[in-house]
Amino acid sequence: MDTTLDQPVSVRAFRAHLADYLRQAQAGSSFVILSRGEPLARIAPPDPVLPRAALFGAHKGDIWMADDFDADDADLIAAAEAALEP
């Protein structure tokens, strides 16, 4: 856990101002919650959510596959079977 850029916050302060810290985290700030000077937890902004359209079909037209890519290659099969024989 890289805490070099995280703002240290005591448990007591975090509890007292929970809504404020969560709003700041949502805006991009990150915090390390300290208990007796020791790191206890890290509060950070959420990961960005990609729109569903960006996930499915994002590379449509970028990928080409040969018509015979899944065709049986008799020489290749024979070589593989020969390699398996003792």
N, C-alpha and C. Protein backbone atom coordinates (compact mmCIF):
# COMPACT_ATOMS: atom_id res chain seq x y z
N MET A 1 0.85 -1.17 0.00
CA MET A 1 0.00 0.00 0.00
C MET A 1 0.90 1.23 0.00
N ASP A 2 0.84 2.01 -1.05
CA ASP A 2 1.64 3.23 -1.14
C ASP A 2 0.87 4.38 -0.51
N THR A 3 1.34 4.85 0.64
CA THR A 3 0.62 5.89 1.37
C THR A 3 1.33 7.23 1.29
N THR A 4 2.26 7.40 0.36
CA THR A 4 3.06 8.62 0.30
C THR A 4 2.21 9.85 -0.04
N LEU A 5 1.16 9.71 -0.81
CA LEU A 5 0.33 10.86 -1.19
C LEU A 5 -0.96 10.93 -0.39
N ASP A 6 -1.18 9.99 0.51
CA ASP A 6 -2.40 9.97 1.31
C ASP A 6 -2.28 10.90 2.51
N GLN A 7 -3.37 11.57 2.81
CA GLN A 7 -3.39 12.45 3.98
C GLN A 7 -3.68 11.60 5.22
N PRO A 8 -2.88 11.73 6.27
CA PRO A 8 -3.15 10.96 7.49
C PRO A 8 -4.34 11.55 8.25
N VAL A 9 -5.21 10.66 8.75
CA VAL A 9 -6.39 11.08 9.51
C VAL A 9 -6.56 10.12 10.67
N SER A 10 -6.79 10.65 11.86
CA SER A 10 -7.01 9.78 13.01
C SER A 10 -8.42 9.16 12.93
N VAL A 11 -8.58 8.03 13.59
CA VAL A 11 -9.88 7.37 13.62
C VAL A 11 -10.93 8.33 14.19
N ARG A 12 -10.56 9.04 15.24
CA ARG A 12 -11.50 9.96 15.89
C ARG A 12 -11.95 11.05 14.92
N ALA A 13 -11.01 11.65 14.19
CA ALA A 13 -11.36 12.71 13.23
C ALA A 13 -12.19 12.14 12.08
N PHE A 14 -11.83 10.93 11.64
CA PHE A 14 -12.57 10.31 10.54
C PHE A 14 -14.02 10.06 10.94
N ARG A 15 -14.23 9.54 12.13
CA ARG A 15 -15.60 9.31 12.62
C ARG A 15 -16.38 10.61 12.74
N ALA A 16 -15.72 11.63 13.27
CA ALA A 16 -16.40 12.91 13.50
C ALA A 16 -16.80 13.61 12.20
N HIS A 17 -16.04 13.39 11.14
CA HIS A 17 -16.28 14.09 9.88
C HIS A 17 -16.40 13.11 8.72
N LEU A 18 -17.03 12.00 8.96
CA LEU A 18 -17.13 10.93 7.96
C LEU A 18 -17.64 11.42 6.61
N ALA A 19 -18.77 12.12 6.60
CA ALA A 19 -19.36 12.58 5.34
C ALA A 19 -18.40 13.48 4.57
N ASP A 20 -17.70 14.36 5.29
CA ASP A 20 -16.74 15.26 4.62
C ASP A 20 -15.61 14.48 3.97
N TYR A 21 -15.05 13.51 4.69
CA TYR A 21 -13.94 12.72 4.13
C TYR A 21 -14.41 11.89 2.94
N LEU A 22 -15.61 11.35 3.01
CA LEU A 22 -16.12 10.57 1.87
C LEU A 22 -16.35 11.45 0.65
N ARG A 23 -16.85 12.68 0.87
CA ARG A 23 -17.02 13.61 -0.25
C ARG A 23 -15.67 13.95 -0.88
N GLN A 24 -14.66 14.17 -0.02
CA GLN A 24 -13.33 14.48 -0.54
C GLN A 24 -12.73 13.30 -1.30
N ALA A 25 -12.97 12.10 -0.82
CA ALA A 25 -12.48 10.90 -1.51
C ALA A 25 -13.15 10.77 -2.87
N GLN A 26 -14.45 11.03 -2.92
CA GLN A 26 -15.16 10.96 -4.19
C GLN A 26 -14.61 11.99 -5.17
N ALA A 27 -14.12 13.12 -4.64
CA ALA A 27 -13.57 14.18 -5.49
C ALA A 27 -12.11 13.92 -5.88
N GLY A 28 -11.49 12.86 -5.33
CA GLY A 28 -10.14 12.51 -5.76
C GLY A 28 -9.09 12.45 -4.67
N SER A 29 -9.42 12.86 -3.45
CA SER A 29 -8.45 12.79 -2.35
C SER A 29 -8.37 11.38 -1.78
N SER A 30 -7.25 11.07 -1.15
CA SER A 30 -7.13 9.77 -0.49
C SER A 30 -6.56 9.98 0.91
N PHE A 31 -6.94 9.10 1.81
CA PHE A 31 -6.59 9.24 3.22
C PHE A 31 -6.13 7.91 3.79
N VAL A 32 -5.22 7.99 4.76
CA VAL A 32 -4.84 6.82 5.54
C VAL A 32 -5.41 7.04 6.93
N ILE A 33 -6.24 6.12 7.38
CA ILE A 33 -6.82 6.21 8.70
C ILE A 33 -5.82 5.61 9.69
N LEU A 34 -5.45 6.40 10.69
CA LEU A 34 -4.46 5.97 11.66
C LEU A 34 -5.11 5.65 13.01
N SER A 35 -4.68 4.56 13.60
CA SER A 35 -5.09 4.19 14.94
C SER A 35 -3.83 4.13 15.79
N ARG A 36 -3.72 5.06 16.72
CA ARG A 36 -2.53 5.16 17.58
C ARG A 36 -1.25 5.30 16.75
N GLY A 37 -1.36 6.05 15.67
CA GLY A 37 -0.21 6.32 14.83
C GLY A 37 0.12 5.25 13.81
N GLU A 38 -0.60 4.14 13.81
CA GLU A 38 -0.37 3.04 12.87
C GLU A 38 -1.45 3.03 11.79
N PRO A 39 -1.08 2.80 10.52
CA PRO A 39 -2.08 2.73 9.46
C PRO A 39 -3.09 1.61 9.72
N LEU A 40 -4.36 1.95 9.59
CA LEU A 40 -5.43 0.99 9.83
C LEU A 40 -6.18 0.68 8.54
N ALA A 41 -6.42 1.73 7.74
CA ALA A 41 -7.18 1.56 6.50
C ALA A 41 -6.82 2.69 5.55
N ARG A 42 -7.19 2.51 4.30
CA ARG A 42 -6.96 3.53 3.28
C ARG A 42 -8.28 3.83 2.61
N ILE A 43 -8.62 5.10 2.53
CA ILE A 43 -9.82 5.55 1.83
C ILE A 43 -9.35 6.27 0.58
N ALA A 44 -9.86 5.85 -0.57
CA ALA A 44 -9.42 6.42 -1.84
C ALA A 44 -10.62 6.57 -2.77
N PRO A 45 -10.48 7.39 -3.81
CA PRO A 45 -11.58 7.56 -4.75
C PRO A 45 -11.87 6.25 -5.48
N PRO A 46 -13.10 6.05 -5.92
CA PRO A 46 -13.44 4.83 -6.64
C PRO A 46 -12.77 4.81 -8.01
N ASP A 47 -12.58 3.60 -8.53
CA ASP A 47 -12.06 3.46 -9.89
C ASP A 47 -13.11 3.99 -10.86
N PRO A 48 -12.67 4.57 -11.97
CA PRO A 48 -13.66 5.06 -12.94
C PRO A 48 -14.47 3.91 -13.53
N VAL A 49 -15.73 4.15 -13.74
CA VAL A 49 -16.62 3.14 -14.31
C VAL A 49 -16.76 3.42 -15.79
N LEU A 50 -16.39 2.43 -16.59
CA LEU A 50 -16.51 2.59 -18.04
C LEU A 50 -17.95 2.32 -18.46
N PRO A 51 -18.45 3.09 -19.41
CA PRO A 51 -19.79 2.81 -19.90
C PRO A 51 -19.82 1.43 -20.55
N ARG A 52 -20.94 0.76 -20.45
CA ARG A 52 -21.08 -0.60 -20.98
C ARG A 52 -20.68 -0.65 -22.46
N ALA A 53 -20.99 0.36 -23.21
CA ALA A 53 -20.66 0.37 -24.64
C ALA A 53 -19.15 0.34 -24.87
N ALA A 54 -18.39 0.86 -23.94
CA ALA A 54 -16.93 0.88 -24.10
C ALA A 54 -16.34 -0.51 -23.88
N LEU A 55 -17.06 -1.38 -23.20
CA LEU A 55 -16.54 -2.70 -22.90
C LEU A 55 -16.80 -3.71 -24.02
N PHE A 56 -18.00 -3.70 -24.56
CA PHE A 56 -18.37 -4.70 -25.56
C PHE A 56 -18.28 -4.11 -26.96
N GLY A 57 -17.52 -4.77 -27.79
CA GLY A 57 -17.37 -4.33 -29.17
C GLY A 57 -16.41 -3.16 -29.35
N ALA A 58 -15.60 -2.91 -28.37
CA ALA A 58 -14.69 -1.77 -28.44
C ALA A 58 -13.67 -1.92 -29.57
N HIS A 59 -13.33 -3.15 -29.94
CA HIS A 59 -12.33 -3.38 -30.99
C HIS A 59 -12.95 -3.91 -32.28
N LYS A 60 -14.24 -3.71 -32.44
CA LYS A 60 -14.89 -4.17 -33.65
C LYS A 60 -14.22 -3.55 -34.88
N GLY A 61 -13.84 -4.39 -35.81
CA GLY A 61 -13.17 -3.93 -37.01
C GLY A 61 -11.65 -3.88 -36.88
N ASP A 62 -11.13 -4.00 -35.66
CA ASP A 62 -9.68 -3.95 -35.46
C ASP A 62 -9.04 -5.32 -35.57
N ILE A 63 -9.82 -6.36 -35.43
CA ILE A 63 -9.29 -7.73 -35.39
C ILE A 63 -9.73 -8.47 -36.64
N TRP A 64 -8.78 -9.13 -37.27
CA TRP A 64 -9.08 -9.91 -38.46
C TRP A 64 -8.67 -11.35 -38.20
N MET A 65 -9.49 -12.28 -38.62
CA MET A 65 -9.19 -13.68 -38.44
C MET A 65 -9.37 -14.39 -39.78
N ALA A 66 -8.41 -15.21 -40.15
CA ALA A 66 -8.47 -15.92 -41.42
C ALA A 66 -9.67 -16.85 -41.43
N ASP A 67 -10.24 -17.06 -42.60
CA ASP A 67 -11.41 -17.92 -42.73
C ASP A 67 -11.11 -19.35 -42.29
N ASP A 68 -9.87 -19.78 -42.45
CA ASP A 68 -9.53 -21.18 -42.13
C ASP A 68 -8.72 -21.30 -40.83
N PHE A 69 -8.83 -20.33 -39.93
CA PHE A 69 -7.99 -20.36 -38.74
C PHE A 69 -8.24 -21.59 -37.88
N ASP A 70 -9.45 -22.14 -37.91
CA ASP A 70 -9.75 -23.31 -37.08
C ASP A 70 -9.81 -24.60 -37.89
N ALA A 71 -9.32 -24.57 -39.13
CA ALA A 71 -9.31 -25.77 -39.97
C ALA A 71 -8.24 -26.74 -39.48
N ASP A 72 -8.52 -28.02 -39.59
CA ASP A 72 -7.54 -29.03 -39.16
C ASP A 72 -6.34 -29.01 -40.11
N ASP A 73 -5.16 -29.04 -39.56
CA ASP A 73 -3.92 -29.12 -40.33
C ASP A 73 -3.37 -30.52 -40.09
N ALA A 74 -3.53 -31.39 -41.08
CA ALA A 74 -3.17 -32.79 -40.95
C ALA A 74 -1.70 -32.97 -40.57
N ASP A 75 -0.80 -32.17 -41.15
CA ASP A 75 0.63 -32.29 -40.83
C ASP A 75 0.90 -31.91 -39.37
N LEU A 76 0.26 -30.87 -38.91
CA LEU A 76 0.45 -30.44 -37.54
C LEU A 76 -0.09 -31.48 -36.55
N ILE A 77 -1.25 -32.04 -36.84
CA ILE A 77 -1.84 -33.08 -35.98
C ILE A 77 -0.94 -34.30 -35.94
N ALA A 78 -0.42 -34.71 -37.11
CA ALA A 78 0.46 -35.86 -37.16
C ALA A 78 1.74 -35.62 -36.36
N ALA A 79 2.30 -34.44 -36.45
CA ALA A 79 3.51 -34.10 -35.70
C ALA A 79 3.25 -34.12 -34.20
N ALA A 80 2.10 -33.60 -33.78
CA ALA A 80 1.77 -33.58 -32.37
C ALA A 80 1.54 -35.00 -31.85
N GLU A 81 0.87 -35.84 -32.61
CA GLU A 81 0.64 -37.22 -32.18
C GLU A 81 1.95 -38.00 -32.14
N ALA A 82 2.87 -37.73 -33.08
CA ALA A 82 4.15 -38.42 -33.10
C ALA A 82 4.98 -38.01 -31.88
N ALA A 83 4.86 -36.77 -31.46
CA ALA A 83 5.61 -36.30 -30.29
C ALA A 83 5.11 -36.96 -29.01
N LEU A 84 3.86 -37.38 -28.98
CA LEU A 84 3.29 -38.01 -27.79
C LEU A 84 3.66 -39.49 -27.68
N GLU A 85 4.04 -40.10 -28.78
CA GLU A 85 4.37 -41.53 -28.76
C GLU A 85 5.72 -41.75 -28.08
N PRO A 86 5.82 -42.79 -27.25
CA PRO A 86 7.09 -43.06 -26.55
C PRO A 86 8.19 -43.54 -27.46
